[in-house]
Protein backbone atom coordinates (compact mmCIF):
# COMPACT_ATOMS: atom_id res chain seq x y z
CA UNK A 1 -31.78 5.16 2.50
CA UNK A 2 -34.01 6.88 5.04
CA UNK A 3 -33.24 8.36 8.42
CA UNK A 4 -35.47 7.00 11.17
CA UNK A 5 -36.11 10.49 12.58
CA UNK A 6 -37.76 13.48 10.96
CA UNK A 7 -35.88 16.76 10.96
CA UNK A 8 -37.15 20.35 10.89
CA UNK A 9 -36.08 22.04 7.66
CA UNK A 10 -34.61 25.11 9.39
CA UNK A 11 -32.31 22.87 11.47
CA UNK A 12 -30.75 21.53 8.26
CA UNK A 13 -29.88 24.92 6.79
CA UNK A 14 -27.48 26.22 9.45
CA UNK A 15 -24.35 25.89 7.29
CA UNK A 16 -25.98 26.73 3.96
CA UNK A 17 -24.94 30.30 3.10
CA UNK A 18 -27.13 32.66 1.11
CA UNK A 19 -30.26 30.48 1.14
CA UNK A 20 -33.60 32.20 0.53
CA UNK A 21 -36.59 30.42 2.05
CA UNK A 22 -39.93 30.83 0.31
CA UNK A 23 -42.60 29.45 2.66
CA UNK A 24 -42.47 27.92 6.13
CA UNK A 25 -39.06 26.88 7.48
CA UNK A 26 -40.50 24.65 10.22
CA UNK A 27 -41.78 21.92 7.89
CA UNK A 28 -40.82 18.38 8.81
CA UNK A 29 -38.46 16.53 6.47
CA UNK A 30 -38.60 12.72 6.39
CA UNK A 31 -35.96 12.11 3.71
CA UNK A 32 -33.87 13.77 1.01
CA UNK A 33 -34.59 12.65 -2.56
CA UNK A 34 -32.79 13.34 -5.85
CA UNK A 35 -35.05 11.24 -8.10
CA UNK A 36 -38.51 12.85 -8.38
CA UNK A 37 -40.09 9.42 -8.99
CA UNK A 38 -39.09 8.34 -5.48
CA UNK A 39 -40.61 11.34 -3.69
CA UNK A 40 -42.95 10.60 -0.78
CA UNK A 41 -45.03 12.91 1.41
CA UNK A 42 -42.56 14.74 3.63
CA UNK A 43 -39.62 14.53 1.22
CA UNK A 44 -37.12 17.29 0.51
CA UNK A 45 -36.60 17.10 -3.27
CA UNK A 46 -33.24 18.36 -4.55
CA UNK A 47 -33.28 19.84 -8.06
CA UNK A 48 -29.77 19.19 -9.41
CA UNK A 49 -28.43 20.37 -12.74
CA UNK A 50 -26.79 17.18 -14.03
CA UNK A 51 -24.79 16.34 -17.14
CA UNK A 52 -27.77 14.55 -18.70
CA UNK A 53 -30.87 16.17 -17.19
CA UNK A 54 -31.88 19.20 -15.14
CA UNK A 55 -33.73 18.31 -11.94
CA UNK A 56 -35.58 21.63 -12.10
CA UNK A 57 -37.75 20.09 -14.83
CA UNK A 58 -39.14 17.63 -12.29
CA UNK A 59 -40.08 20.01 -9.46
CA UNK A 60 -43.75 19.78 -10.48
CA UNK A 61 -43.66 15.97 -10.35
CA UNK A 62 -42.04 16.11 -6.89
CA UNK A 63 -44.66 18.49 -5.48
CA UNK A 64 -47.49 16.44 -7.00
CA UNK A 65 -46.14 13.39 -5.14
CA UNK A 66 -46.18 15.24 -1.83
CA UNK A 67 -42.74 16.82 -1.38
CA UNK A 68 -42.78 19.13 1.63
CA UNK A 69 -39.86 21.21 0.41
CA UNK A 70 -37.78 21.81 -2.71
CA UNK A 71 -34.07 22.71 -2.83
CA UNK A 72 -33.41 24.55 -6.08
CA UNK A 73 -31.35 27.20 -7.83
CA UNK A 74 -34.34 28.70 -9.63
CA UNK A 75 -37.98 28.90 -8.54
CA UNK A 76 -40.62 27.31 -10.78
CA UNK A 77 -42.95 29.67 -12.67
CA UNK A 78 -45.94 28.74 -10.52
CA UNK A 79 -44.72 27.83 -7.01
CA UNK A 80 -47.27 26.10 -4.78
CA UNK A 81 -48.32 27.81 -1.58
CA UNK A 82 -48.31 24.55 0.40
CA UNK A 83 -44.66 23.77 -0.46
CA UNK A 84 -41.50 25.42 0.93
CA UNK A 85 -38.83 26.34 -1.64
CA UNK A 86 -35.21 26.82 -0.57
CA UNK A 87 -33.43 28.84 -3.24
CA UNK A 88 -29.62 28.56 -3.31
CA UNK A 89 -26.77 29.39 -5.65
CA UNK A 90 -25.60 25.76 -5.98
CA UNK A 91 -28.00 22.90 -5.19
CA UNK A 92 -25.24 20.27 -5.12
CA UNK A 93 -23.10 22.17 -2.60
CA UNK A 94 -26.12 22.93 -0.41
CA UNK A 95 -27.26 19.30 -0.59
CA UNK A 96 -23.93 18.08 0.81
CA UNK A 97 -24.30 20.35 3.86
CA UNK A 98 -27.98 19.47 4.32
CA UNK A 99 -27.36 15.72 3.99
CA UNK A 100 -24.61 15.90 6.63
CA UNK A 101 -26.95 17.74 9.01
CA UNK A 102 -29.87 15.39 8.29
CA UNK A 103 -27.81 12.34 9.28
CA UNK A 104 -26.31 14.04 12.33
CA UNK A 105 -22.87 14.85 10.86
CA UNK A 106 -21.78 11.19 10.88
CA UNK A 107 -18.28 11.87 9.52
CA UNK A 108 -17.48 13.73 12.77
CA UNK A 109 -18.14 10.51 14.70
CA UNK A 110 -15.46 8.48 12.88
CA UNK A 111 -11.92 9.04 11.63
CA UNK A 112 -12.59 9.55 7.93
CA UNK A 113 -9.62 9.30 5.56
CA UNK A 114 -9.99 10.12 1.85
CA UNK A 115 -7.72 8.83 -0.92
CA UNK A 116 -7.51 10.66 -4.23
CA UNK A 117 -5.39 10.41 -7.37
CA UNK A 118 -5.63 8.82 -10.81
CA UNK A 119 -4.27 5.39 -9.88
CA UNK A 120 -4.03 3.48 -6.60
CA UNK A 121 -7.12 4.83 -4.84
CA UNK A 122 -8.83 1.45 -4.48
CA UNK A 123 -5.68 -0.35 -3.36
CA UNK A 124 -4.79 2.28 -0.76
CA UNK A 125 -8.33 2.54 0.67
CA UNK A 126 -8.67 -1.26 0.76
CA UNK A 127 -5.24 -1.78 2.32
CA UNK A 128 -6.11 0.76 5.02
CA UNK A 129 -9.41 -1.00 5.69
CA UNK A 130 -7.68 -4.40 5.94
CA UNK A 131 -4.84 -3.01 8.05
CA UNK A 132 -6.99 -1.27 10.65
CA UNK A 133 -9.26 -4.28 10.98
CA UNK A 134 -6.16 -6.39 11.58
CA UNK A 135 -5.10 -3.85 14.23
CA UNK A 136 -8.39 -4.49 16.03
CA UNK A 137 -10.59 -1.60 14.91
CA UNK A 138 -14.12 -1.69 13.52
CA UNK A 139 -13.97 -0.11 10.05
CA UNK A 140 -15.93 1.02 7.02
CA UNK A 141 -14.82 1.10 3.37
CA UNK A 142 -16.16 3.21 0.50
CA UNK A 143 -14.52 2.13 -2.76
CA UNK A 144 -14.98 1.47 -6.47
CA UNK A 145 -15.04 -2.27 -5.86
CA UNK A 146 -17.48 -2.27 -2.97
CA UNK A 147 -18.69 -0.49 0.12
CA UNK A 148 -18.18 -2.46 3.29
CA UNK A 149 -19.13 -2.24 6.96
CA UNK A 150 -16.94 -4.77 8.75
CA UNK A 151 -17.83 -8.06 6.97
CA UNK A 152 -21.02 -6.80 5.32
CA UNK A 153 -20.53 -5.95 1.64
CA UNK A 154 -22.74 -3.30 0.04
CA UNK A 155 -22.48 -3.19 -3.80
CA UNK A 156 -20.89 -0.04 -5.22
CA UNK A 157 -22.20 1.84 -8.26
CA UNK A 158 -19.90 4.89 -8.26
CA UNK A 159 -16.40 5.58 -6.93
CA UNK A 160 -18.07 8.03 -4.57
CA UNK A 161 -21.86 7.85 -3.92
CA UNK A 162 -24.01 11.00 -3.96
CA UNK A 163 -23.96 13.14 -0.82
CA UNK A 164 -27.19 11.71 0.59
CA UNK A 165 -26.22 8.06 0.09
CA UNK A 166 -22.71 8.82 1.35
CA UNK A 167 -23.86 10.38 4.62
CA UNK A 168 -26.40 7.59 5.09
CA UNK A 169 -23.63 4.98 4.69
CA UNK A 170 -21.27 6.75 7.07
CA UNK A 171 -24.16 7.10 9.56
CA UNK A 172 -24.65 3.32 9.36
CA UNK A 173 -20.94 2.82 9.97
CA UNK A 174 -20.97 5.14 12.98
CA UNK A 175 -24.09 3.43 14.38
CA UNK A 176 -22.28 0.10 14.13
CA UNK A 177 -19.38 1.49 16.16
CA UNK A 178 -16.88 1.87 13.32
CA UNK A 179 -13.99 4.05 14.50
CA UNK A 180 -12.36 4.47 11.07
CA UNK A 181 -13.75 4.88 7.54
CA UNK A 182 -11.56 4.83 4.44
CA UNK A 183 -12.89 6.12 1.16
CA UNK A 184 -11.86 6.80 -2.41
CA UNK A 185 -12.42 10.42 -3.39
CA UNK A 186 -12.95 10.76 -7.12
CA UNK A 187 -12.45 13.98 -9.07
CA UNK A 188 -16.13 13.82 -10.01
CA UNK A 189 -17.14 13.74 -6.35
CA UNK A 190 -15.19 16.92 -5.62
CA UNK A 191 -16.47 18.78 -8.70
CA UNK A 192 -20.06 17.66 -8.01
CA UNK A 193 -19.91 18.47 -4.26
CA UNK A 194 -20.64 14.86 -3.21
CA UNK A 195 -18.11 15.20 -0.35
CA UNK A 196 -19.14 18.72 0.68
CA UNK A 197 -20.08 18.70 4.36
CA UNK A 198 -17.87 15.74 5.30
CA UNK A 199 -15.21 16.13 8.00
CA UNK A 200 -11.96 14.38 7.07
CA UNK A 201 -9.26 13.34 9.51
CA UNK A 202 -6.81 13.01 6.62
CA UNK A 203 -6.32 12.98 2.87
CA UNK A 204 -3.88 10.99 0.71
CA UNK A 205 -2.67 11.90 -2.79
CA UNK A 206 -1.35 9.00 -4.89
CA UNK A 207 -0.52 10.43 -8.34
CA UNK A 208 -2.13 12.20 -11.28
CA UNK A 209 -2.17 11.41 -15.00
CA UNK A 210 -4.61 12.06 -17.83
CA UNK A 211 -8.06 10.61 -17.10
CA UNK A 212 -11.74 11.59 -17.10
CA UNK A 213 -11.21 14.37 -19.65
CA UNK A 214 -14.63 13.43 -21.03
CA UNK A 215 -16.02 15.02 -17.83
CA UNK A 216 -13.45 17.66 -16.87
CA UNK A 217 -12.67 18.71 -20.50
CA UNK A 218 -9.12 19.86 -19.65
CA UNK A 219 -6.28 18.39 -17.63
CA UNK A 220 -6.10 21.65 -15.68
CA UNK A 221 -9.74 21.24 -14.57
CA UNK A 222 -8.97 17.65 -13.53
CA UNK A 223 -6.02 18.81 -11.40
CA UNK A 224 -8.15 21.58 -9.84
CA UNK A 225 -10.82 19.03 -8.87
CA UNK A 226 -8.27 16.81 -7.11
CA UNK A 227 -6.69 19.85 -5.46
CA UNK A 228 -10.11 20.99 -4.27
CA UNK A 229 -10.20 18.03 -1.89
CA UNK A 230 -7.02 19.19 -0.14
CA UNK A 231 -8.07 22.86 -0.22
CA UNK A 232 -11.10 21.93 1.90
CA UNK A 233 -9.26 19.87 4.54
CA UNK A 234 -9.33 21.41 8.05
CA UNK A 235 -6.30 22.32 10.16
CA UNK A 236 -6.86 19.25 12.30
CA UNK A 237 -6.35 16.89 9.33
CA UNK A 238 -3.20 15.59 7.65
CA UNK A 239 -2.45 15.81 3.92
CA UNK A 240 -0.14 12.98 2.88
CA UNK A 241 1.27 13.40 -0.64
CA UNK A 242 3.49 11.45 -3.02
CA UNK A 243 6.31 13.92 -3.70
CA UNK A 244 7.71 11.75 -6.50
CA UNK A 245 4.75 12.95 -8.54
CA UNK A 246 5.64 16.45 -9.71
CA UNK A 247 2.12 17.67 -8.96
CA UNK A 248 2.19 16.41 -5.38
CA UNK A 249 3.28 19.80 -4.04
CA UNK A 250 0.64 21.56 -6.17
CA UNK A 251 -2.09 19.53 -4.49
CA UNK A 252 -1.30 20.95 -1.05
CA UNK A 253 -0.14 24.48 -1.79
CA UNK A 254 -3.40 25.96 -0.41
CA UNK A 255 -4.34 23.37 2.19
CA UNK A 256 -4.82 24.22 5.86
CA UNK A 257 -4.00 20.61 6.81
CA UNK A 258 -0.65 19.40 8.14
CA UNK A 259 1.46 18.39 5.13
CA UNK A 260 3.37 15.10 5.23
CA UNK A 261 5.17 13.31 2.38
CA UNK A 262 6.14 9.87 1.08
CA UNK A 263 8.67 8.89 -1.58
CA UNK A 264 10.80 6.18 -3.13
CA UNK A 265 13.19 8.69 -4.71
CA UNK A 266 13.83 11.59 -2.37
CA UNK A 267 13.76 12.69 1.26
CA UNK A 268 10.29 12.44 2.76
CA UNK A 269 8.50 11.83 6.06
CA UNK A 270 7.98 8.24 4.94
CA UNK A 271 10.83 6.99 2.74
CA UNK A 272 10.85 3.64 0.97
CA UNK A 273 13.26 1.59 -1.10
CA UNK A 274 12.63 -1.60 -3.07
CA UNK A 275 15.30 -4.21 -2.31
CA UNK A 276 13.86 -7.00 -4.47
CA UNK A 277 10.63 -7.67 -6.35
CA UNK A 278 9.48 -11.10 -7.61
CA UNK A 279 6.20 -12.83 -8.42
CA UNK A 280 6.36 -14.30 -4.90
CA UNK A 281 6.58 -10.96 -3.08
CA UNK A 282 8.45 -7.71 -2.53
CA UNK A 283 11.29 -6.93 -0.11
CA UNK A 284 11.36 -3.27 0.93
CA UNK A 285 13.02 -0.91 3.32
CA UNK A 286 10.64 1.61 4.92
CA UNK A 287 12.09 4.28 7.20
CA UNK A 288 15.17 2.08 7.72
CA UNK A 289 13.19 -1.06 8.56
CA UNK A 290 13.24 -4.05 6.21
CA UNK A 291 9.91 -5.73 5.47
CA UNK A 292 8.70 -8.47 3.11
CA UNK A 293 5.30 -7.95 1.48
CA UNK A 294 2.98 -10.34 -0.33
CA UNK A 295 1.95 -7.66 -2.85
CA UNK A 296 4.38 -6.81 -5.65
CA UNK A 297 5.31 -4.05 -8.07
CA UNK A 298 6.70 -0.54 -7.82
CA UNK A 299 3.19 0.93 -7.91
CA UNK A 300 2.31 -1.15 -4.86
CA UNK A 301 5.47 0.07 -3.13
CA UNK A 302 3.96 3.56 -3.34
CA UNK A 303 0.59 2.26 -2.16
CA UNK A 304 2.17 0.55 0.86
CA UNK A 305 4.19 3.64 1.75
CA UNK A 306 1.08 5.81 1.76
CA UNK A 307 -0.81 3.29 3.90
CA UNK A 308 2.07 3.02 6.35
CA UNK A 309 2.31 6.81 6.53
CA UNK A 310 -1.42 7.31 7.06
CA UNK A 311 -1.52 4.67 9.80
CA UNK A 312 1.37 6.30 11.68
CA UNK A 313 -0.26 9.73 11.27
CA UNK A 314 -3.44 8.25 12.74
CA UNK A 315 -1.44 7.32 15.85
CA UNK A 316 -0.55 3.67 15.25
CA UNK A 317 2.78 2.12 16.28
CA UNK A 318 5.25 1.71 13.41
CA UNK A 319 6.29 -1.87 14.21
CA UNK A 320 2.69 -3.09 14.52
CA UNK A 321 1.73 -1.39 11.26
CA UNK A 322 4.60 -2.99 9.33
CA UNK A 323 3.87 -6.43 10.81
CA UNK A 324 0.23 -6.34 9.70
CA UNK A 325 1.02 -4.73 6.34
CA UNK A 326 3.29 -7.65 5.46
CA UNK A 327 0.24 -9.96 5.52
CA UNK A 328 -2.01 -7.92 3.21
CA UNK A 329 -3.22 -9.14 -0.18
CA UNK A 330 -4.07 -7.05 -3.24
CA UNK A 331 -7.73 -6.03 -3.67
CA UNK A 332 -9.75 -7.99 -6.27
CA UNK A 333 -8.74 -7.15 -9.82
CA UNK A 334 -5.57 -5.32 -8.82
CA UNK A 335 -2.59 -7.32 -10.14
CA UNK A 336 -4.51 -10.43 -9.20
CA UNK A 337 -2.59 -13.58 -10.17
CA UNK A 338 -3.84 -16.94 -11.45
CA UNK A 339 -1.74 -19.93 -12.47
CA UNK A 340 -2.53 -22.72 -14.93
CA UNK A 341 -1.54 -26.32 -14.30
CA UNK A 342 1.21 -25.97 -16.91
CA UNK A 343 2.70 -22.84 -15.28
CA UNK A 344 1.16 -20.03 -17.29
CA UNK A 345 0.71 -16.89 -15.19
CA UNK A 346 -2.49 -14.93 -15.70
CA UNK A 347 -2.77 -11.41 -14.28
CA UNK A 348 -6.05 -9.49 -14.11
CA UNK A 349 -5.69 -5.77 -13.49
CA UNK A 350 -7.98 -2.76 -13.54
CA UNK A 351 -5.38 -0.67 -15.44
CA UNK A 352 -7.52 1.52 -17.69
CA UNK A 353 -5.29 4.58 -18.07
CA UNK A 354 -1.99 4.81 -19.98
CA UNK A 355 -0.02 5.38 -16.78
CA UNK A 356 -1.63 2.47 -14.94
CA UNK A 357 -1.08 0.12 -17.88
CA UNK A 358 2.55 1.17 -18.14
CA UNK A 359 3.05 0.65 -14.39
CA UNK A 360 1.68 -2.89 -14.58
CA UNK A 361 3.64 -3.82 -17.71
CA UNK A 362 6.87 -2.35 -16.32
CA UNK A 363 6.35 -4.46 -13.20
CA UNK A 364 5.82 -7.58 -15.32
CA UNK A 365 8.96 -6.73 -17.34
CA UNK A 366 11.04 -6.52 -14.16
CA UNK A 367 9.62 -9.83 -12.92
CA UNK A 368 10.55 -11.78 -16.07
CA UNK A 369 13.49 -14.10 -15.56
CA UNK A 370 13.86 -15.93 -18.89
CA UNK A 371 12.34 -16.19 -22.35
CA UNK A 372 8.71 -16.18 -21.27
CA UNK A 373 6.44 -14.09 -23.48
CA UNK A 374 4.14 -11.33 -22.28
CA UNK A 375 0.72 -11.39 -23.94
CA UNK A 376 -1.42 -8.32 -23.25
CA UNK A 377 -5.18 -8.12 -23.78
CA UNK A 378 -6.47 -4.57 -23.53
CA UNK A 379 -9.39 -2.39 -24.57
CA UNK A 380 -10.76 1.08 -23.86
CA UNK A 381 -14.16 2.08 -22.50
CA UNK A 382 -16.73 3.83 -24.66
CA UNK A 383 -18.08 7.33 -23.99
CA UNK A 384 -14.91 8.17 -22.10
CA UNK A 385 -11.70 10.09 -22.81
CA UNK A 386 -10.80 9.10 -26.39
CA UNK A 387 -7.32 10.69 -26.25
CA UNK A 388 -5.91 7.77 -24.30
CA UNK A 389 -6.96 5.06 -26.78
CA UNK A 390 -3.96 5.14 -29.14
CA UNK A 391 -1.65 5.63 -26.15
CA UNK A 392 -2.96 2.47 -24.48
CA UNK A 393 -2.22 0.43 -27.62
CA UNK A 394 1.23 1.96 -28.01
CA UNK A 395 2.16 1.14 -24.40
CA UNK A 396 0.85 -2.43 -24.73
CA UNK A 397 3.03 -2.93 -27.82
CA UNK A 398 6.10 -1.40 -26.15
CA UNK A 399 6.18 -3.97 -23.33
CA UNK A 400 4.52 -7.07 -24.85
CA UNK A 401 5.52 -9.87 -27.21
CA UNK A 402 1.92 -10.19 -28.37
CA UNK A 403 -0.98 -7.74 -28.09
CA UNK A 404 -4.68 -8.39 -28.51
CA UNK A 405 -6.82 -5.26 -28.75
CA UNK A 406 -10.37 -6.01 -27.67
CA UNK A 407 -13.60 -4.52 -26.37
CA UNK A 408 -13.87 -3.16 -22.81
CA UNK A 409 -17.17 -1.50 -21.84
CA UNK A 410 -18.21 -0.01 -25.20
CA UNK A 411 -21.28 1.60 -23.61
CA UNK A 412 -23.06 3.49 -26.41
CA UNK A 413 -20.13 3.48 -28.85
CA UNK A 414 -19.43 0.97 -31.62
CA UNK A 415 -16.61 -1.29 -30.30
CA UNK A 416 -15.03 -1.32 -33.76
CA UNK A 417 -14.75 2.47 -33.77
CA UNK A 418 -12.94 2.34 -30.42
CA UNK A 419 -10.61 -0.37 -31.67
CA UNK A 420 -9.85 1.59 -34.82
CA UNK A 421 -8.77 4.53 -32.67
CA UNK A 422 -6.59 2.21 -30.60
CA UNK A 423 -5.00 0.75 -33.72
CA UNK A 424 -3.70 4.19 -34.66
CA UNK A 425 -1.32 3.94 -31.68
CA UNK A 426 0.27 0.67 -32.87
CA UNK A 427 3.75 1.40 -34.28
CA UNK A 428 4.25 -0.01 -37.83
CA UNK A 429 6.98 -2.35 -36.59
CA UNK A 430 4.46 -3.91 -34.18
CA UNK A 431 1.67 -4.62 -36.69
CA UNK A 432 2.60 -8.30 -36.92
CA UNK A 433 2.41 -8.96 -33.19
CA UNK A 434 -0.92 -7.13 -32.78
CA UNK A 435 -4.33 -8.75 -33.26
CA UNK A 436 -7.75 -7.12 -33.06
CA UNK A 437 -10.59 -9.25 -31.67
CA UNK A 438 -13.69 -7.31 -30.65
CA UNK A 439 -15.18 -10.21 -28.64
CA UNK A 440 -13.43 -10.03 -25.24
CA UNK A 441 -14.11 -13.66 -24.38
CA UNK A 442 -12.66 -14.80 -27.69
CA UNK A 443 -9.61 -12.57 -27.12
CA UNK A 444 -8.89 -14.10 -23.69
CA UNK A 445 -9.38 -17.61 -25.06
CA UNK A 446 -6.98 -16.97 -27.95
CA UNK A 447 -4.28 -15.75 -25.55
CA UNK A 448 -4.89 -18.59 -23.09
CA UNK A 449 -4.80 -21.37 -25.66
CA UNK A 450 -1.81 -20.06 -27.61
CA UNK A 451 0.38 -19.31 -24.59
CA UNK A 452 3.31 -21.56 -23.69
CA UNK A 453 4.37 -22.64 -20.19
CA UNK A 454 5.93 -19.76 -18.19
CA UNK A 455 4.26 -17.12 -20.40
CA UNK A 456 2.52 -14.20 -18.69
CA UNK A 457 -0.95 -13.12 -19.82
CA UNK A 458 -2.14 -9.68 -18.73
CA UNK A 459 -5.87 -9.02 -19.01
CA UNK A 460 -6.14 -5.27 -18.46
CA UNK A 461 -8.89 -2.72 -18.08
CA UNK A 462 -11.80 -4.24 -16.17
CA UNK A 463 -10.23 -5.80 -13.09
CA UNK A 464 -12.90 -6.43 -10.44
CA UNK A 465 -15.84 -5.66 -12.77
CA UNK A 466 -18.15 -8.61 -13.43
CA UNK A 467 -20.07 -7.07 -16.31
CA UNK A 468 -19.65 -5.63 -19.78
CA UNK A 469 -21.77 -2.57 -20.54
CA UNK A 470 -23.18 -2.53 -24.07
CA UNK A 471 -25.86 -0.08 -25.28
CA UNK A 472 -26.90 0.74 -21.72
CA UNK A 473 -27.22 -2.92 -20.64
CA UNK A 474 -24.79 -4.63 -18.26
CA UNK A 475 -24.11 -8.21 -19.37
CA UNK A 476 -22.35 -10.61 -16.98
CA UNK A 477 -18.66 -10.82 -17.85
CA UNK A 478 -15.77 -11.52 -15.52
CA UNK A 479 -12.18 -11.57 -16.83
CA UNK A 480 -11.14 -13.88 -13.99
CA UNK A 481 -13.88 -16.42 -14.75
CA UNK A 482 -12.97 -16.52 -18.45
CA UNK A 483 -9.25 -16.81 -17.71
CA UNK A 484 -9.81 -19.70 -15.30
CA UNK A 485 -12.12 -21.34 -17.83
CA UNK A 486 -9.46 -21.29 -20.53
CA UNK A 487 -6.85 -22.56 -18.03
CA UNK A 488 -9.18 -25.48 -17.20
CA UNK A 489 -9.57 -26.17 -20.94
CA UNK A 490 -5.79 -26.33 -21.32
CA UNK A 491 -5.67 -28.88 -18.49
CA UNK A 492 -8.29 -30.98 -20.24
CA UNK A 493 -6.45 -31.05 -23.57
């Protein structure tokens, strides 16, 4: 995405510490590019050291295509005299600051609230977006499911876009008079400096469990990445944390922001209590006010509490917030319910970590009222943290009458290898109730056709995703579509 105004390179480097400029600093920059193939005359090419490739290898390509300037950590062997090189210690960190300056520091023109944690980020960010629109504000959303400016949906490829795309999106939102922007902040985005240079009005911590160890290598590194978001918050911001998570206090121990808390179990700024929870809705008490919500489940009780707290901290009236919150629906693929003509309940949920799967299955267990069976279909993604695979199968068996282990997004792994690792988590006593079907469509059809009226089918892992990634290719696949197809087939029989 390009800015419609050129900027002088020196004007973009004000906040970049320790930069050494080789060449003229008054060159005009038309855009900031990370992919050397997309360089145009007047581009600033950023040489990033990525997990797969090193952008420094492509500096020559970028200059051949007309780049005016190069941002790099190491000069090429034969630098060109007609190109300016900006040498920095960390290209990613510098890029965040430069991108913010290039787009006119757009995050300072809106109230930007970031949501981080292992589970609940999408729900909380989406609920905030829905809530503030209902309260009459123009809003932007940056989430795993989609990016959105008011009613316009912009497809999402990462939980958090790169720093250039992110600032460009927020600049669009500010130009379209959005007053609030709500975004998911992934651990990757903190570690890779995608959010460096952004000015947050507040940050929310949901919870933390094992995830993304394929990237962070250790759980400690994962925690540090999440904590890094709160470490960088300014004094003017709020840091709202779930104190029922034992690492909630760790997240904010070095923050300069104002610390506020929410809880279902202990004293907190925003205290909640579940009075009743059914498939029809949830009755809660929040700060001594009783409210009925359309969304259900203990995990959503936490989500709602954090949204309520953030809205109040942003200056909204408590009664108005609770009134609008009671009308909200779950985001796509988050405990999304479907019902067959003969009363089978299908639930599609994005749960792809052990903790998230357990939360969803515990909720389903509490909602059962008779002899209905719980049938769980679950898989694990390829080229991701393999430690959680047996745990996912074990949890599915613990809470389900029948379990079907199937393929998720195998990516570049053999689905059967992933399933074999999952099988190791199945307790011997649960062998009989567990089936392995690599074909996800076939797995959903088996569950849907064998279920009896009142049974509950959980299709876990992919949620809102409408594709299955195999060997680098994304094939169309939507759990909801397949589930509705099998329900229609039941009706026809």
